[in-house]
Amino acid sequence: MSASTSDTNETLKQILDTVNELKSTQNKIISTINSCRESKKTQENKYVIIESKLDTLSNQLAEVISENKTLRAKIEQIEDKITTLETATSGANVESVYSELMDRQSRARNIIFFNIQEFNSLPDQLTDTLTVDGILKSIGLQINPVYVRRLGKQSNKPRPLLTTLPNSSDVFKVLKVKRKLFGTSNFKDIRIASDRTTQQRQYFSKVASQLKQRSDTCEDNLFIKYINNVPTISKNSQ
């Protein structure tokens, strides 16, 4: 083999080696570029996740701010009510409230019967006691009256009969079943009510007036229901 041929082969070999190195370098560059792309894509995904979390936190913060505003408004309303109550119960009003509570307490065991015939004889109280006892038994209650007395001055109409029962819970028992009197033969005209204070009667009259106004505007199935011993307008769902 001549020297010229040998030099040519060596040159070709060097060229091939250089090409292979270029290919290897190109592959490394491509791999690096792809890696950078993947890294960029991963970063972009992270940014998207971070932005989504930031949006969620922003919405939650807006809800918290809104709830705080609502709570602040409610607290201000409560503070206003407390201030109003403190003003209403100051001075002479405290005595009025105390007097009302004591009056209600003294009436807690009383009920009043209406339309019970009145006899002009000496043992009226005994007769009235026996009559009340018979009325209670007619509606299924075994309650012995402690004390009975007529209210007001005598007239052509029978006076209301105030009756004191052993316990305040007995009053609720009577009021709960008093409608059974409509089904009796001897006592269907008798009416029963709790012994209310002047303030309670005024409040009941106000509720009754509201009931009439609403009934006059064609609201049906309305009635007065006692909730926690307070007269309230309710609607019959049937």
Protein backbone atom coordinates (compact mmCIF):
# COMPACT_ATOMS: atom_id res chain seq x y z
CA MET A 1 0.00 0.00 0.00
CA SER A 2 1.41 3.37 -1.02
CA ALA A 3 1.94 6.23 1.37
CA SER A 4 -0.72 8.23 -0.43
CA THR A 5 -3.35 5.56 0.15
CA SER A 6 -2.39 5.25 3.77
CA ASP A 7 -2.72 8.99 4.28
CA THR A 8 -6.13 8.95 2.62
CA ASN A 9 -7.38 6.19 4.87
CA GLU A 10 -6.12 7.99 7.90
CA THR A 11 -7.86 11.13 6.80
CA LEU A 12 -11.14 9.26 6.25
CA LYS A 13 -10.82 7.63 9.62
CA GLN A 14 -10.34 11.03 11.23
CA ILE A 15 -13.34 12.36 9.34
CA LEU A 16 -15.49 9.43 10.48
CA ASP A 17 -14.33 9.87 14.05
CA THR A 18 -15.17 13.55 13.83
CA VAL A 19 -18.63 12.78 12.39
CA ASN A 20 -19.27 10.26 15.13
CA GLU A 21 -18.20 12.77 17.74
CA LEU A 22 -20.50 15.34 16.13
CA LYS A 23 -23.38 12.81 16.20
CA SER A 24 -22.66 12.01 19.85
CA THR A 25 -22.48 15.69 20.66
CA GLN A 26 -25.70 16.30 18.70
CA ASN A 27 -27.45 13.52 20.60
CA LYS A 28 -26.27 15.01 23.88
CA ILE A 29 -27.50 18.43 22.81
CA ILE A 30 -30.86 16.96 21.74
CA SER A 31 -31.10 15.06 25.03
CA THR A 32 -30.28 18.24 26.95
CA ILE A 33 -32.87 20.19 24.98
CA ASN A 34 -35.50 17.51 25.62
CA SER A 35 -34.60 17.49 29.29
CA CYS A 36 -34.95 21.27 29.37
CA ARG A 37 -38.32 20.99 27.68
CA GLU A 38 -39.49 18.40 30.19
CA SER A 39 -38.21 20.52 33.04
CA LYS A 40 -39.97 23.57 31.59
CA LYS A 41 -43.18 21.55 31.18
CA THR A 42 -42.91 20.35 34.78
CA GLN A 43 -42.37 23.90 35.97
CA GLU A 44 -45.34 25.09 33.95
CA ASN A 45 -47.50 22.37 35.51
CA LYS A 46 -46.29 23.44 38.92
CA TYR A 47 -47.15 27.04 38.11
CA VAL A 48 -50.63 25.95 37.02
CA ILE A 49 -51.10 24.03 40.29
CA ILE A 50 -49.80 26.97 42.30
CA GLU A 51 -52.12 29.37 40.46
CA SER A 52 -55.06 27.02 41.07
CA LYS A 53 -54.22 26.83 44.78
CA LEU A 54 -53.87 30.61 44.91
CA ASP A 55 -57.30 30.97 43.28
CA THR A 56 -58.78 28.55 45.83
CA LEU A 57 -57.16 30.43 48.71
CA SER A 58 -58.40 33.71 47.26
CA ASN A 59 -61.97 32.37 47.09
CA GLN A 60 -61.75 31.00 50.62
CA LEU A 61 -60.39 34.32 51.84
CA ALA A 62 -63.28 36.13 50.15
CA GLU A 63 -65.75 33.77 51.89
CA VAL A 64 -64.07 34.36 55.25
CA ILE A 65 -64.22 38.13 54.72
CA SER A 66 -67.92 37.85 53.79
CA GLU A 67 -68.65 35.67 56.84
CA ASN A 68 -66.78 38.12 59.06
CA LYS A 69 -68.91 40.96 57.73
CA THR A 70 -72.07 38.95 58.43
CA LEU A 71 -70.89 38.04 61.93
CA ARG A 72 -69.93 41.64 62.60
CA ALA A 73 -73.40 42.78 61.53
CA LYS A 74 -75.04 40.17 63.79
CA ILE A 75 -72.81 41.16 66.70
CA GLU A 76 -73.78 44.79 66.18
CA GLN A 77 -77.47 43.79 66.17
CA ILE A 78 -77.00 41.82 69.38
CA GLU A 79 -75.17 44.74 70.97
CA ASP A 80 -78.02 47.05 69.95
CA LYS A 81 -80.58 44.66 71.47
CA ILE A 82 -78.56 44.39 74.67
CA THR A 83 -78.35 48.17 74.85
CA THR A 84 -82.11 48.41 74.26
CA LEU A 85 -82.82 45.81 76.95
CA GLU A 86 -80.48 47.51 79.39
CA THR A 87 -82.26 50.80 78.72
CA ALA A 88 -85.70 49.20 78.96
CA THR A 89 -84.89 47.47 82.24
CA SER A 90 -83.25 50.42 83.91
CA GLY A 91 -84.78 52.47 86.69
CA ALA A 92 -88.53 52.13 87.11
CA ASN A 93 -88.77 49.45 84.40
CA VAL A 94 -86.82 47.00 86.56
CA GLU A 95 -89.53 47.29 89.18
CA SER A 96 -92.21 46.79 86.52
CA VAL A 97 -90.54 43.66 85.16
CA TYR A 98 -90.07 42.26 88.66
CA SER A 99 -93.70 42.98 89.50
CA GLU A 100 -94.86 41.26 86.30
CA LEU A 101 -92.77 38.16 87.09
CA MET A 102 -94.14 37.97 90.61
CA ASP A 103 -97.71 38.40 89.33
CA ARG A 104 -97.25 35.59 86.81
CA GLN A 105 -95.75 33.37 89.49
CA SER A 106 -98.72 33.94 91.79
CA ARG A 107 -101.12 32.95 88.98
CA ALA A 108 -99.14 29.93 87.77
CA ARG A 109 -101.44 27.38 89.48
CA ASN A 110 -104.72 29.10 88.55
CA ILE A 111 -107.28 28.46 85.85
CA ILE A 112 -110.58 30.24 85.26
CA PHE A 113 -113.89 28.57 84.42
CA PHE A 114 -116.62 30.50 82.62
CA ASN A 115 -120.37 29.86 82.38
CA ILE A 116 -120.60 27.71 85.52
CA GLN A 117 -124.04 28.23 87.06
CA GLU A 118 -124.01 30.22 90.28
CA PHE A 119 -126.26 29.27 93.21
CA ASN A 120 -127.50 31.79 95.79
CA SER A 121 -126.90 29.60 98.82
CA LEU A 122 -124.41 29.55 101.69
CA PRO A 123 -122.21 26.63 100.69
CA ASP A 124 -121.42 28.16 97.29
CA GLN A 125 -117.73 27.40 97.57
CA LEU A 126 -118.38 23.72 98.30
CA THR A 127 -120.84 23.52 95.42
CA ASP A 128 -118.37 25.20 93.04
CA THR A 129 -115.57 22.89 94.20
CA LEU A 130 -117.70 19.82 93.50
CA THR A 131 -118.67 21.23 90.10
CA VAL A 132 -115.03 21.87 89.12
CA ASP A 133 -114.12 18.39 90.32
CA GLY A 134 -116.86 16.93 88.12
CA ILE A 135 -115.74 18.97 85.10
CA LEU A 136 -112.13 17.79 85.45
CA LYS A 137 -113.21 14.17 85.75
CA SER A 138 -115.39 14.53 82.65
CA ILE A 139 -112.28 15.32 80.58
CA GLY A 140 -110.29 12.47 82.11
CA LEU A 141 -108.30 14.30 84.79
CA GLN A 142 -107.97 13.24 88.43
CA ILE A 143 -107.02 16.63 89.89
CA ASN A 144 -108.45 17.91 93.17
CA PRO A 145 -108.97 21.71 93.27
CA VAL A 146 -107.16 23.36 96.17
CA TYR A 147 -109.25 26.54 96.26
CA VAL A 148 -112.11 28.12 94.30
CA ARG A 149 -113.66 31.57 94.37
CA ARG A 150 -115.89 33.73 92.21
CA LEU A 151 -114.45 36.82 90.49
CA GLY A 152 -116.24 40.17 90.43
CA LYS A 153 -119.62 41.30 91.66
CA GLN A 154 -122.81 39.29 91.37
CA SER A 155 -125.03 40.00 88.37
CA ASN A 156 -127.50 38.24 86.12
CA LYS A 157 -124.66 36.30 84.52
CA PRO A 158 -122.56 33.71 86.35
CA ARG A 159 -119.27 35.14 87.53
CA PRO A 160 -115.99 33.53 86.39
CA LEU A 161 -114.75 30.88 88.78
CA LEU A 162 -111.06 31.12 89.72
CA THR A 163 -109.62 27.73 90.65
CA THR A 164 -106.23 27.00 92.19
CA LEU A 165 -104.75 23.58 91.37
CA PRO A 166 -102.06 21.66 93.28
CA ASN A 167 -99.30 22.28 90.71
CA SER A 168 -98.62 24.62 87.79
CA SER A 169 -98.17 21.52 85.60
CA ASP A 170 -101.82 20.66 86.32
CA VAL A 171 -102.84 23.88 84.56
CA PHE A 172 -101.14 22.73 81.34
CA LYS A 173 -102.82 19.35 81.63
CA VAL A 174 -106.25 21.00 81.83
CA LEU A 175 -105.60 23.45 78.99
CA LYS A 176 -104.32 20.63 76.79
CA VAL A 177 -107.57 18.64 76.96
CA LYS A 178 -110.15 21.37 77.61
CA ARG A 179 -111.61 20.93 74.11
CA LYS A 180 -113.03 17.61 75.29
CA LEU A 181 -115.74 19.62 77.05
CA PHE A 182 -117.42 20.18 73.68
CA GLY A 183 -118.19 16.45 73.61
CA THR A 184 -119.84 16.33 77.03
CA SER A 185 -123.54 16.69 77.65
CA ASN A 186 -123.46 18.60 80.94
CA PHE A 187 -120.43 20.87 80.44
CA LYS A 188 -120.33 21.66 76.70
CA ASP A 189 -120.97 25.38 77.38
CA ILE A 190 -118.18 25.66 79.96
CA ARG A 191 -115.03 27.50 78.87
CA ILE A 192 -111.59 27.32 80.51
CA ALA A 193 -108.69 29.78 80.35
CA SER A 194 -105.42 30.35 82.16
CA ASP A 195 -105.18 33.12 84.75
CA ARG A 196 -103.27 35.75 82.77
CA THR A 197 -101.82 39.03 83.98
CA THR A 198 -102.93 42.36 82.50
CA GLN A 199 -99.83 42.43 80.31
CA GLN A 200 -100.48 38.89 79.08
CA ARG A 201 -104.11 39.72 78.28
CA GLN A 202 -103.03 42.79 76.35
CA TYR A 203 -100.51 40.76 74.38
CA PHE A 204 -103.11 38.07 73.65
CA SER A 205 -105.55 40.77 72.42
CA LYS A 206 -102.82 42.09 70.12
CA VAL A 207 -102.16 38.60 68.70
CA ALA A 208 -105.91 37.97 68.30
CA SER A 209 -106.24 41.28 66.43
CA GLN A 210 -103.39 40.30 64.11
CA LEU A 211 -105.07 36.94 63.54
CA LYS A 212 -108.33 38.67 62.57
CA GLN A 213 -106.55 41.03 60.18
CA ARG A 214 -104.77 38.17 58.45
CA SER A 215 -107.97 36.12 58.30
CA ASP A 216 -109.78 39.10 56.77
CA THR A 217 -107.17 39.15 53.99
CA CYS A 218 -108.13 35.58 53.05
CA GLU A 219 -105.34 33.76 54.90
CA ASP A 220 -106.82 30.38 55.79
CA ASN A 221 -106.17 27.79 58.50
CA LEU A 222 -104.70 30.27 60.99
CA PHE A 223 -105.01 29.76 64.73
CA ILE A 224 -103.39 30.85 67.98
CA LYS A 225 -100.97 28.32 69.40
CA TYR A 226 -99.09 28.60 72.68
CA ILE A 227 -95.35 28.09 72.21
CA ASN A 228 -93.38 28.16 75.47
CA ASN A 229 -96.55 29.59 77.04
CA VAL A 230 -96.54 32.51 74.56
CA PRO A 231 -99.53 32.96 72.18
CA THR A 232 -98.33 32.75 68.58
CA ILE A 233 -100.15 32.74 65.23
CA SER A 234 -99.66 29.38 63.52
CA LYS A 235 -100.90 27.91 60.28
CA ASN A 236 -102.58 24.54 59.99
CA SER A 237 -100.76 22.60 57.29
CA GLN A 238 -103.75 20.38 56.57
